[in-house]
Amino acid sequence: MRQRWAVPVDGVELAADRWGQGQPVVVLVHAGVCDRRSWLDVAESLAQDRTVFAYDRRGHGDTPPTTAPFSHLDDLLAVVRVAAAEPEGDGTVWLVGSSMGGGLAVEAALAAPDLVAGLVLLAPWVAGTPESLVSMDAASAAMEERMAAAEQAGDLEEANRLSAWAWLDGPAQPEGRVTGGARELALTMNRVILENGVAEGVGWGQTDAWARLGEVAVPVVVACGDLDFGYIGAVNRTLAERLPDGRYVELAGVAHLPYLEQPGVVAELIAGATAGGAQADTGPLRPN
């Protein structure tokens, strides 16, 4: 059963949900163009035998934006402490982070290693990633130029349309590859973020996490869709290689937000990783 929660941090209440009961405890950290609703199907699957939390960062979903200085890392650690205190847990959590949420999960593992049992990172972007690793293909470069132009023009509807095309369909795929509820949800979530004027750099990057990857002592699964921006997959492979206990998994037939179009595949990946099973080593994982 889904339960509504609120985690207070410095005068702001982070909107959150809790599902299930049992071990391990899993905290889901959304992408920059999403909110906690993106995890609904994955969370309900995992909650059959786990405790699952998801929350909205500031300016996303039901958590209001703030003008006061803040840290996304401090906010996540507040959520982690609540989740780690679950009476049936062992005092630790698994963090599952998507995109910018994946980079944030790495920072949390560095900041509070005693609270984090492991990581599942979906197309993460880690603070301090060397620019030399970013090699832009033509389709990715063209899409990024169009997205930047819409943002500079202040055209929120065009920016939202291009965001769904880039991150849900994939930059080299036809617009509208993913349809139905998944697309409607992607557009709805990002529209709130755009209307709130969430600034991408505010509250981020307090840790040069890339330079400290060797300190991440927990098991980490890094996964990326084969329809995502090409440079993200390349960077993610290098990330997995640099982690002491890192493994890379390719997700076939999906782009940057695989849990919206193939939640069963993503739930299988997370279940295998958090159980210490072999699923995390097999790849590429295919859509159902």
C-alpha atoms as a PDB file:
ATOM      1  CA  MET A   1       0.000   0.000   0.000  1.00  0.00           C
ATOM      2  CA  ARG A   2       1.256   3.467  -0.926  1.00  0.00           C
ATOM      3  CA  GLN A   3       1.564   5.849   2.024  1.00  0.00           C
ATOM      4  CA  ARG A   4       2.121   9.587   1.718  1.00  0.00           C
ATOM      5  CA  TRP A   5       5.048  10.989   3.698  1.00  0.00           C
ATOM      6  CA  ALA A   6       6.679  14.374   4.197  1.00  0.00           C
ATOM      7  CA  VAL A   7      10.319  14.783   5.192  1.00  0.00           C
ATOM      8  CA  PRO A   8      11.044  18.190   6.800  1.00  0.00           C
ATOM      9  CA  VAL A   9      14.386  19.823   5.935  1.00  0.00           C
ATOM     10  CA  ASP A  10      15.221  23.412   6.904  1.00  0.00           C
ATOM     11  CA  GLY A  11      11.644  24.648   6.795  1.00  0.00           C
ATOM     12  CA  VAL A  12      10.717  22.796   3.586  1.00  0.00           C
ATOM     13  CA  GLU A  13       8.702  19.574   3.479  1.00  0.00           C
ATOM     14  CA  LEU A  14       9.922  17.128   0.829  1.00  0.00           C
ATOM     15  CA  ALA A  15       6.903  15.245  -0.538  1.00  0.00           C
ATOM     16  CA  ALA A  16       7.500  11.501  -0.339  1.00  0.00           C
ATOM     17  CA  ASP A  17       5.806   8.105  -0.643  1.00  0.00           C
ATOM     18  CA  ARG A  18       6.420   4.824   1.120  1.00  0.00           C
ATOM     19  CA  TRP A  19       5.475   1.332  -0.083  1.00  0.00           C
ATOM     20  CA  GLY A  20       5.762  -2.190   1.288  1.00  0.00           C
ATOM     21  CA  GLN A  21       7.425  -3.812   4.236  1.00  0.00           C
ATOM     22  CA  GLY A  22      10.613  -5.790   4.693  1.00  0.00           C
ATOM     23  CA  GLN A  23      14.260  -5.771   3.727  1.00  0.00           C
ATOM     24  CA  PRO A  24      16.141  -4.347   1.995  1.00  0.00           C
ATOM     25  CA  VAL A  25      15.001  -0.742   2.132  1.00  0.00           C
ATOM     26  CA  VAL A  26      15.230   1.031  -1.249  1.00  0.00           C
ATOM     27  CA  VAL A  27      15.202   4.801  -1.854  1.00  0.00           C
ATOM     28  CA  LEU A  28      14.376   5.935  -5.413  1.00  0.00           C
ATOM     29  CA  VAL A  29      15.926   9.231  -6.597  1.00  0.00           C
ATOM     30  CA  HIS A  30      14.307  10.733  -9.699  1.00  0.00           C
ATOM     31  CA  ALA A  31      15.825  12.328 -12.810  1.00  0.00           C
ATOM     32  CA  GLY A  32      16.002  16.078 -13.389  1.00  0.00           C
ATOM     33  CA  VAL A  33      13.011  16.007 -15.775  1.00  0.00           C
ATOM     34  CA  CYS A  34      10.841  13.815 -13.517  1.00  0.00           C
ATOM     35  CA  ASP A  35       9.425  13.553 -10.020  1.00  0.00           C
ATOM     36  CA  ARG A  36       8.563  10.661  -7.715  1.00  0.00           C
ATOM     37  CA  ARG A  37       5.567   9.675  -9.870  1.00  0.00           C
ATOM     38  CA  SER A  38       8.006   8.293 -12.439  1.00  0.00           C
ATOM     39  CA  TRP A  39       8.778   5.414 -10.060  1.00  0.00           C
ATOM     40  CA  LEU A  40       5.202   4.321  -9.309  1.00  0.00           C
ATOM     41  CA  ASP A  41       5.138   1.059 -11.303  1.00  0.00           C
ATOM     42  CA  VAL A  42       8.685   0.111 -10.278  1.00  0.00           C
ATOM     43  CA  ALA A  43       7.975   0.841  -6.614  1.00  0.00           C
ATOM     44  CA  GLU A  44       4.797  -1.239  -6.566  1.00  0.00           C
ATOM     45  CA  SER A  45       6.667  -4.196  -8.040  1.00  0.00           C
ATOM     46  CA  LEU A  46       9.588  -3.938  -5.618  1.00  0.00           C
ATOM     47  CA  ALA A  47       7.332  -3.408  -2.599  1.00  0.00           C
ATOM     48  CA  GLN A  48       6.072  -6.988  -2.735  1.00  0.00           C
ATOM     49  CA  ASP A  49       8.992  -7.956  -0.487  1.00  0.00           C
ATOM     50  CA  ARG A  50      10.868  -4.693   0.197  1.00  0.00           C
ATOM     51  CA  THR A  51      10.321  -1.289   1.764  1.00  0.00           C
ATOM     52  CA  VAL A  52      10.489   1.431  -0.874  1.00  0.00           C
ATOM     53  CA  PHE A  53      10.691   5.221  -0.578  1.00  0.00           C
ATOM     54  CA  ALA A  54      10.533   7.920  -3.279  1.00  0.00           C
ATOM     55  CA  TYR A  55      10.562  11.680  -2.832  1.00  0.00           C
ATOM     56  CA  ASP A  56      10.314  14.909  -4.836  1.00  0.00           C
ATOM     57  CA  ARG A  57      13.307  17.246  -4.922  1.00  0.00           C
ATOM     58  CA  ARG A  58      12.678  20.966  -4.493  1.00  0.00           C
ATOM     59  CA  GLY A  59      10.670  22.398  -7.372  1.00  0.00           C
ATOM     60  CA  HIS A  60       9.630  18.950  -8.604  1.00  0.00           C
ATOM     61  CA  GLY A  61       6.224  17.326  -8.204  1.00  0.00           C
ATOM     62  CA  ASP A  62       4.619  18.254  -4.880  1.00  0.00           C
ATOM     63  CA  THR A  63       7.714  19.778  -3.261  1.00  0.00           C
ATOM     64  CA  PRO A  64       7.718  23.570  -3.707  1.00  0.00           C
ATOM     65  CA  PRO A  65      10.732  25.474  -5.027  1.00  0.00           C
ATOM     66  CA  THR A  66      12.795  27.522  -2.608  1.00  0.00           C
ATOM     67  CA  THR A  67      14.837  30.704  -2.930  1.00  0.00           C
ATOM     68  CA  ALA A  68      16.950  30.056   0.173  1.00  0.00           C
ATOM     69  CA  PRO A  69      20.335  28.348  -0.223  1.00  0.00           C
ATOM     70  CA  PHE A  70      20.082  24.564   0.029  1.00  0.00           C
ATOM     71  CA  SER A  71      21.818  21.336  -0.882  1.00  0.00           C
ATOM     72  CA  HIS A  72      20.195  18.464  -2.777  1.00  0.00           C
ATOM     73  CA  LEU A  73      22.673  16.177  -1.026  1.00  0.00           C
ATOM     74  CA  ASP A  74      21.534  17.327   2.424  1.00  0.00           C
ATOM     75  CA  ASP A  75      17.911  16.785   1.368  1.00  0.00           C
ATOM     76  CA  LEU A  76      18.623  13.246   0.156  1.00  0.00           C
ATOM     77  CA  LEU A  77      20.536  12.415   3.325  1.00  0.00           C
ATOM     78  CA  ALA A  78      17.516  13.522   5.374  1.00  0.00           C
ATOM     79  CA  VAL A  79      15.352  11.089   3.386  1.00  0.00           C
ATOM     80  CA  VAL A  80      17.974   8.341   3.743  1.00  0.00           C
ATOM     81  CA  ARG A  81      18.059   8.746   7.522  1.00  0.00           C
ATOM     82  CA  VAL A  82      14.280   8.387   7.713  1.00  0.00           C
ATOM     83  CA  ALA A  83      14.347   5.296   5.480  1.00  0.00           C
ATOM     84  CA  ALA A  84      17.332   3.725   7.287  1.00  0.00           C
ATOM     85  CA  ALA A  85      15.439   3.985  10.581  1.00  0.00           C
ATOM     86  CA  GLU A  86      12.749   1.549   9.381  1.00  0.00           C
ATOM     87  CA  PRO A  87      12.212  -0.910  12.279  1.00  0.00           C
ATOM     88  CA  GLU A  88      12.509  -3.990  10.058  1.00  0.00           C
ATOM     89  CA  GLY A  89      15.604  -2.737   8.250  1.00  0.00           C
ATOM     90  CA  ASP A  90      19.262  -3.155   9.111  1.00  0.00           C
ATOM     91  CA  GLY A  91      20.038   0.566   9.303  1.00  0.00           C
ATOM     92  CA  THR A  92      21.102   0.899   5.658  1.00  0.00           C
ATOM     93  CA  VAL A  93      19.394   1.581   2.323  1.00  0.00           C
ATOM     94  CA  TRP A  94      19.953   0.857  -1.338  1.00  0.00           C
ATOM     95  CA  LEU A  95      19.878   4.007  -3.448  1.00  0.00           C
ATOM     96  CA  VAL A  96      18.450   3.840  -6.967  1.00  0.00           C
ATOM     97  CA  GLY A  97      19.186   7.038  -8.876  1.00  0.00           C
ATOM     98  CA  SER A  98      18.272   8.139 -12.397  1.00  0.00           C
ATOM     99  CA  SER A  99      20.345  10.674 -14.373  1.00  0.00           C
ATOM    100  CA  MET A 100      21.136  13.608 -12.047  1.00  0.00           C
ATOM    101  CA  GLY A 101      19.549  11.548  -9.276  1.00  0.00           C
ATOM    102  CA  GLY A 102      22.163   8.883  -9.956  1.00  0.00           C
ATOM    103  CA  GLY A 103      24.982  11.351  -9.482  1.00  0.00           C
ATOM    104  CA  LEU A 104      23.328  12.501  -6.276  1.00  0.00           C
ATOM    105  CA  ALA A 105      23.168   8.892  -5.063  1.00  0.00           C
ATOM    106  CA  VAL A 106      26.934   8.564  -5.580  1.00  0.00           C
ATOM    107  CA  GLU A 107      27.502  11.714  -3.520  1.00  0.00           C
ATOM    108  CA  ALA A 108      25.309  10.296  -0.733  1.00  0.00           C
ATOM    109  CA  ALA A 109      27.307   7.055  -0.707  1.00  0.00           C
ATOM    110  CA  LEU A 110      30.487   9.101  -0.281  1.00  0.00           C
ATOM    111  CA  ALA A 111      29.001  11.354   2.401  1.00  0.00           C
ATOM    112  CA  ALA A 112      27.301   8.630   4.481  1.00  0.00           C
ATOM    113  CA  PRO A 113      28.925   5.254   3.697  1.00  0.00           C
ATOM    114  CA  ASP A 114      27.531   3.728   6.890  1.00  0.00           C
ATOM    115  CA  LEU A 115      23.960   4.279   5.652  1.00  0.00           C
ATOM    116  CA  VAL A 116      24.266   3.059   2.040  1.00  0.00           C
ATOM    117  CA  ALA A 117      24.347  -0.670   1.249  1.00  0.00           C
ATOM    118  CA  GLY A 118      24.598  -0.341  -2.534  1.00  0.00           C
ATOM    119  CA  LEU A 119      23.693   1.667  -5.617  1.00  0.00           C
ATOM    120  CA  VAL A 120      21.734   1.124  -8.817  1.00  0.00           C
ATOM    121  CA  LEU A 121      22.441   3.990 -11.224  1.00  0.00           C
ATOM    122  CA  LEU A 122      20.350   4.524 -14.358  1.00  0.00           C
ATOM    123  CA  ALA A 123      22.197   6.689 -16.908  1.00  0.00           C
ATOM    124  CA  PRO A 124      23.786   8.708 -14.095  1.00  0.00           C
ATOM    125  CA  TRP A 125      25.677  11.973 -14.461  1.00  0.00           C
ATOM    126  CA  VAL A 126      28.342  12.286 -11.771  1.00  0.00           C
ATOM    127  CA  ALA A 127      29.736  15.637 -10.636  1.00  0.00           C
ATOM    128  CA  GLY A 128      33.260  16.139 -11.944  1.00  0.00           C
ATOM    129  CA  THR A 129      32.873  13.911 -15.020  1.00  0.00           C
ATOM    130  CA  PRO A 130      35.765  14.914 -17.326  1.00  0.00           C
ATOM    131  CA  GLU A 131      34.701  16.807 -20.436  1.00  0.00           C
ATOM    132  CA  SER A 132      37.270  14.773 -22.372  1.00  0.00           C
ATOM    133  CA  LEU A 133      34.971  11.741 -22.047  1.00  0.00           C
ATOM    134  CA  VAL A 134      32.066  13.495 -23.786  1.00  0.00           C
ATOM    135  CA  SER A 135      32.114  12.765 -27.513  1.00  0.00           C
ATOM    136  CA  MET A 136      28.935  14.083 -29.125  1.00  0.00           C
ATOM    137  CA  ASP A 137      27.417  12.273 -32.118  1.00  0.00           C
ATOM    138  CA  ALA A 138      25.501  14.267 -34.736  1.00  0.00           C
ATOM    139  CA  ALA A 139      21.991  13.368 -33.520  1.00  0.00           C
ATOM    140  CA  SER A 140      22.835  14.180 -29.904  1.00  0.00           C
ATOM    141  CA  ALA A 141      24.485  17.483 -30.835  1.00  0.00           C
ATOM    142  CA  ALA A 142      21.520  18.541 -32.968  1.00  0.00           C
ATOM    143  CA  MET A 143      19.044  17.709 -30.223  1.00  0.00           C
ATOM    144  CA  GLU A 144      21.031  19.573 -27.573  1.00  0.00           C
ATOM    145  CA  GLU A 145      21.179  22.648 -29.843  1.00  0.00           C
ATOM    146  CA  ARG A 146      17.395  22.606 -30.321  1.00  0.00           C
ATOM    147  CA  MET A 147      16.785  22.188 -26.597  1.00  0.00           C
ATOM    148  CA  ALA A 148      19.160  25.050 -25.762  1.00  0.00           C
ATOM    149  CA  ALA A 149      17.479  27.325 -28.314  1.00  0.00           C
ATOM    150  CA  ALA A 150      14.015  26.655 -26.849  1.00  0.00           C
ATOM    151  CA  GLU A 151      15.305  27.334 -23.345  1.00  0.00           C
ATOM    152  CA  GLN A 152      16.974  30.594 -24.383  1.00  0.00           C
ATOM    153  CA  ALA A 153      13.780  31.711 -26.136  1.00  0.00           C
ATOM    154  CA  GLY A 154      11.751  31.003 -23.006  1.00  0.00           C
ATOM    155  CA  ASP A 155       9.409  28.747 -24.969  1.00  0.00           C
ATOM    156  CA  LEU A 156       8.313  26.331 -22.231  1.00  0.00           C
ATOM    157  CA  GLU A 157       6.005  24.265 -24.421  1.00  0.00           C
ATOM    158  CA  GLU A 158       8.690  23.735 -27.052  1.00  0.00           C
ATOM    159  CA  ALA A 159      11.263  22.968 -24.358  1.00  0.00           C
ATOM    160  CA  ASN A 160       8.901  20.406 -22.842  1.00  0.00           C
ATOM    161  CA  ARG A 161       8.148  18.803 -26.218  1.00  0.00           C
ATOM    162  CA  LEU A 162      11.844  18.486 -27.056  1.00  0.00           C
ATOM    163  CA  SER A 163      12.625  17.152 -23.577  1.00  0.00           C
ATOM    164  CA  ALA A 164      10.171  14.279 -24.034  1.00  0.00           C
ATOM    165  CA  TRP A 165      11.597  13.562 -27.474  1.00  0.00           C
ATOM    166  CA  ALA A 166      15.207  13.596 -26.252  1.00  0.00           C
ATOM    167  CA  TRP A 167      14.921  11.764 -22.954  1.00  0.00           C
ATOM    168  CA  LEU A 168      11.910   9.480 -23.464  1.00  0.00           C
ATOM    169  CA  ASP A 169      12.151   8.605 -27.173  1.00  0.00           C
ATOM    170  CA  GLY A 170      15.904   9.056 -27.594  1.00  0.00           C
ATOM    171  CA  PRO A 171      17.680  11.801 -29.596  1.00  0.00           C
ATOM    172  CA  ALA A 172      18.165   9.661 -32.712  1.00  0.00           C
ATOM    173  CA  GLN A 173      14.653   8.146 -32.615  1.00  0.00           C
ATOM    174  CA  PRO A 174      11.459   9.489 -34.209  1.00  0.00           C
ATOM    175  CA  GLU A 175       9.447  11.819 -32.005  1.00  0.00           C
ATOM    176  CA  GLY A 176       6.568   9.919 -30.431  1.00  0.00           C
ATOM    177  CA  ARG A 177       8.288   6.528 -30.314  1.00  0.00           C
ATOM    178  CA  VAL A 178       6.882   6.183 -26.782  1.00  0.00           C
ATOM    179  CA  THR A 179       3.155   6.908 -26.535  1.00  0.00           C
ATOM    180  CA  GLY A 180       0.255   6.686 -24.094  1.00  0.00           C
ATOM    181  CA  GLY A 181       0.478   7.174 -20.358  1.00  0.00           C
ATOM    182  CA  ALA A 182       4.272   7.182 -20.264  1.00  0.00           C
ATOM    183  CA  ARG A 183       4.445  10.182 -22.587  1.00  0.00           C
ATOM    184  CA  GLU A 184       1.637  12.030 -20.849  1.00  0.00           C
ATOM    185  CA  LEU A 185       3.366  11.557 -17.494  1.00  0.00           C
ATOM    186  CA  ALA A 186       6.750  12.693 -18.842  1.00  0.00           C
ATOM    187  CA  LEU A 187       5.206  15.884 -20.220  1.00  0.00           C
ATOM    188  CA  THR A 188       3.202  16.522 -17.046  1.00  0.00           C
ATOM    189  CA  MET A 189       6.174  16.080 -14.704  1.00  0.00           C
ATOM    190  CA  ASN A 190       8.562  18.264 -16.686  1.00  0.00           C
ATOM    191  CA  ARG A 191       5.947  20.997 -17.216  1.00  0.00           C
ATOM    192  CA  VAL A 192       5.810  21.523 -13.438  1.00  0.00           C
ATOM    193  CA  ILE A 193       9.606  21.769 -13.300  1.00  0.00           C
ATOM    194  CA  LEU A 194       9.738  24.276 -16.158  1.00  0.00           C
ATOM    195  CA  GLU A 195       6.944  26.395 -14.681  1.00  0.00           C
ATOM    196  CA  ASN A 196       8.735  26.424 -11.314  1.00  0.00           C
ATOM    197  CA  GLY A 197      11.865  27.723 -13.037  1.00  0.00           C
ATOM    198  CA  VAL A 198      14.094  25.079 -11.456  1.00  0.00           C
ATOM    199  CA  ALA A 199      17.701  26.086 -12.139  1.00  0.00           C
ATOM    200  CA  GLU A 200      19.767  23.045 -13.110  1.00  0.00           C
ATOM    201  CA  GLY A 201      22.938  24.032 -11.229  1.00  0.00           C
ATOM    202  CA  VAL A 202      21.445  25.265  -7.955  1.00  0.00           C
ATOM    203  CA  GLY A 203      22.040  22.977  -4.967  1.00  0.00           C
ATOM    204  CA  TRP A 204      24.284  20.600  -6.920  1.00  0.00           C
ATOM    205  CA  GLY A 205      27.914  19.587  -7.260  1.00  0.00           C
ATOM    206  CA  GLN A 206      29.285  20.088  -3.773  1.00  0.00           C
ATOM    207  CA  THR A 207      31.470  17.014  -4.204  1.00  0.00           C
ATOM    208  CA  ASP A 208      33.934  16.181  -6.988  1.00  0.00           C
ATOM    209  CA  ALA A 209      32.477  12.698  -6.926  1.00  0.00           C
ATOM    210  CA  TRP A 210      34.254  11.484 -10.073  1.00  0.00           C
ATOM    211  CA  ALA A 211      37.658  12.015  -8.450  1.00  0.00           C
ATOM    212  CA  ARG A 212      36.521  10.009  -5.419  1.00  0.00           C
ATOM    213  CA  LEU A 213      34.948   6.999  -7.159  1.00  0.00           C
ATOM    214  CA  GLY A 214      37.625   4.741  -5.681  1.00  0.00           C
ATOM    215  CA  GLU A 215      36.147   5.445  -2.229  1.00  0.00           C
ATOM    216  CA  VAL A 216      32.754   3.944  -3.119  1.00  0.00           C
ATOM    217  CA  ALA A 217      33.084   0.600  -1.364  1.00  0.00           C
ATOM    218  CA  VAL A 218      29.560  -0.747  -1.961  1.00  0.00           C
ATOM    219  CA  PRO A 219      28.323  -2.777  -4.969  1.00  0.00           C
ATOM    220  CA  VAL A 220      27.143  -0.580  -7.834  1.00  0.00           C
ATOM    221  CA  VAL A 221      25.157  -1.467 -10.956  1.00  0.00           C
ATOM    222  CA  VAL A 222      25.357   1.140 -13.722  1.00  0.00           C
ATOM    223  CA  ALA A 223      22.735   0.768 -16.476  1.00  0.00           C
ATOM    224  CA  CYS A 224      21.988   2.758 -19.606  1.00  0.00           C
ATOM    225  CA  GLY A 225      19.494   2.403 -22.446  1.00  0.00           C
ATOM    226  CA  ASP A 226      20.926   1.752 -25.900  1.00  0.00           C
ATOM    227  CA  LEU A 227      18.684   4.499 -27.354  1.00  0.00           C
ATOM    228  CA  ASP A 228      20.009   7.155 -24.957  1.00  0.00           C
ATOM    229  CA  PHE A 229      22.452   9.915 -25.922  1.00  0.00           C
ATOM    230  CA  GLY A 230      25.515   8.019 -27.127  1.00  0.00           C
ATOM    231  CA  TYR A 231      27.990   9.881 -24.950  1.00  0.00           C
ATOM    232  CA  ILE A 232      26.038   8.996 -21.801  1.00  0.00           C
ATOM    233  CA  GLY A 233      26.448   5.280 -22.463  1.00  0.00           C
ATOM    234  CA  ALA A 234      30.176   5.741 -23.102  1.00  0.00           C
ATOM    235  CA  VAL A 235      30.657   7.756 -19.913  1.00  0.00           C
ATOM    236  CA  ASN A 236      28.627   5.224 -17.920  1.00  0.00           C
ATOM    237  CA  ARG A 237      30.826   2.348 -19.092  1.00  0.00           C
ATOM    238  CA  THR A 238      33.897   4.236 -17.906  1.00  0.00           C
ATOM    239  CA  LEU A 239      32.148   5.025 -14.625  1.00  0.00           C
ATOM    240  CA  ALA A 240      31.448   1.339 -13.983  1.00  0.00           C
ATOM    241  CA  GLU A 241      35.071   0.473 -14.734  1.00  0.00           C
ATOM    242  CA  ARG A 242      36.366   3.065 -12.248  1.00  0.00           C
ATOM    243  CA  LEU A 243      34.187   1.866  -9.387  1.00  0.00           C
ATOM    244  CA  PRO A 244      35.793  -0.790  -7.142  1.00  0.00           C
ATOM    245  CA  ASP A 245      32.677  -3.005  -7.342  1.00  0.00           C
ATOM    246  CA  GLY A 246      30.968  -1.631 -10.438  1.00  0.00           C
ATOM    247  CA  ARG A 247      29.097  -3.512 -13.167  1.00  0.00           C
ATOM    248  CA  TYR A 248      27.617  -2.192 -16.397  1.00  0.00           C
ATOM    249  CA  VAL A 249      24.299  -3.320 -17.886  1.00  0.00           C
ATOM    250  CA  GLU A 250      22.880  -2.241 -21.233  1.00  0.00           C
ATOM    251  CA  LEU A 251      19.105  -1.857 -21.399  1.00  0.00           C
ATOM    252  CA  ALA A 252      17.903  -2.739 -24.873  1.00  0.00           C
ATOM    253  CA  GLY A 253      15.247  -0.746 -26.724  1.00  0.00           C
ATOM    254  CA  VAL A 254      14.901   2.136 -24.240  1.00  0.00           C
ATOM    255  CA  ALA A 255      16.345   5.620 -23.832  1.00  0.00           C
ATOM    256  CA  HIS A 256      17.075   7.787 -20.768  1.00  0.00           C
ATOM    257  CA  LEU A 257      13.914   7.059 -18.755  1.00  0.00           C
ATOM    258  CA  PRO A 258      13.513   3.268 -19.026  1.00  0.00           C
ATOM    259  CA  TYR A 259      11.231   2.920 -15.992  1.00  0.00           C
ATOM    260  CA  LEU A 260       8.498   4.889 -17.791  1.00  0.00           C
ATOM    261  CA  GLU A 261       8.251   2.517 -20.767  1.00  0.00           C
ATOM    262  CA  GLN A 262       9.642  -0.733 -19.329  1.00  0.00           C
ATOM    263  CA  PRO A 263       9.098  -0.647 -15.537  1.00  0.00           C
ATOM    264  CA  GLY A 264       9.216  -4.456 -15.320  1.00  0.00           C
ATOM    265  CA  VAL A 265      12.730  -4.552 -16.781  1.00  0.00           C
ATOM    266  CA  VAL A 266      13.932  -1.873 -14.370  1.00  0.00           C
ATOM    267  CA  ALA A 267      12.275  -3.561 -11.389  1.00  0.00           C
ATOM    268  CA  GLU A 268      13.983  -6.844 -12.368  1.00  0.00           C
ATOM    269  CA  LEU A 269      17.340  -5.072 -12.515  1.00  0.00           C
ATOM    270  CA  ILE A 270      16.879  -3.468  -9.096  1.00  0.00           C
ATOM    271  CA  ALA A 271      15.543  -6.660  -7.524  1.00  0.00           C
ATOM    272  CA  GLY A 272      18.535  -8.629  -8.752  1.00  0.00           C
ATOM    273  CA  ALA A 273      21.025  -6.047  -7.551  1.00  0.00           C
ATOM    274  CA  THR A 274      19.507  -5.552  -4.107  1.00  0.00           C
ATOM    275  CA  ALA A 275      19.200  -9.310  -3.577  1.00  0.00           C
ATOM    276  CA  GLY A 276      22.795  -9.893  -4.642  1.00  0.00           C
ATOM    277  CA  GLY A 277      21.485 -12.065  -7.467  1.00  0.00           C
ATOM    278  CA  ALA A 278      22.848 -12.857 -10.901  1.00  0.00           C
ATOM    279  CA  GLN A 279      20.352 -10.638 -12.725  1.00  0.00           C
ATOM    280  CA  ALA A 280      22.635  -7.655 -12.236  1.00  0.00           C
ATOM    281  CA  ASP A 281      25.397  -9.362 -14.245  1.00  0.00           C
ATOM    282  CA  THR A 282      23.336 -10.350 -17.253  1.00  0.00           C
ATOM    283  CA  GLY A 283      22.867  -8.038 -20.179  1.00  0.00           C
ATOM    284  CA  PRO A 284      21.647  -6.563 -22.255  1.00  0.00           C
ATOM    285  CA  LEU A 285      18.275  -6.773 -20.553  1.00  0.00           C
ATOM    286  CA  ARG A 286      15.429  -6.896 -23.054  1.00  0.00           C
ATOM    287  CA  PRO A 287      11.937  -5.370 -22.906  1.00  0.00           C
ATOM    288  CA  ASN A 288       9.098  -7.676 -21.890  1.00  0.00           C
END
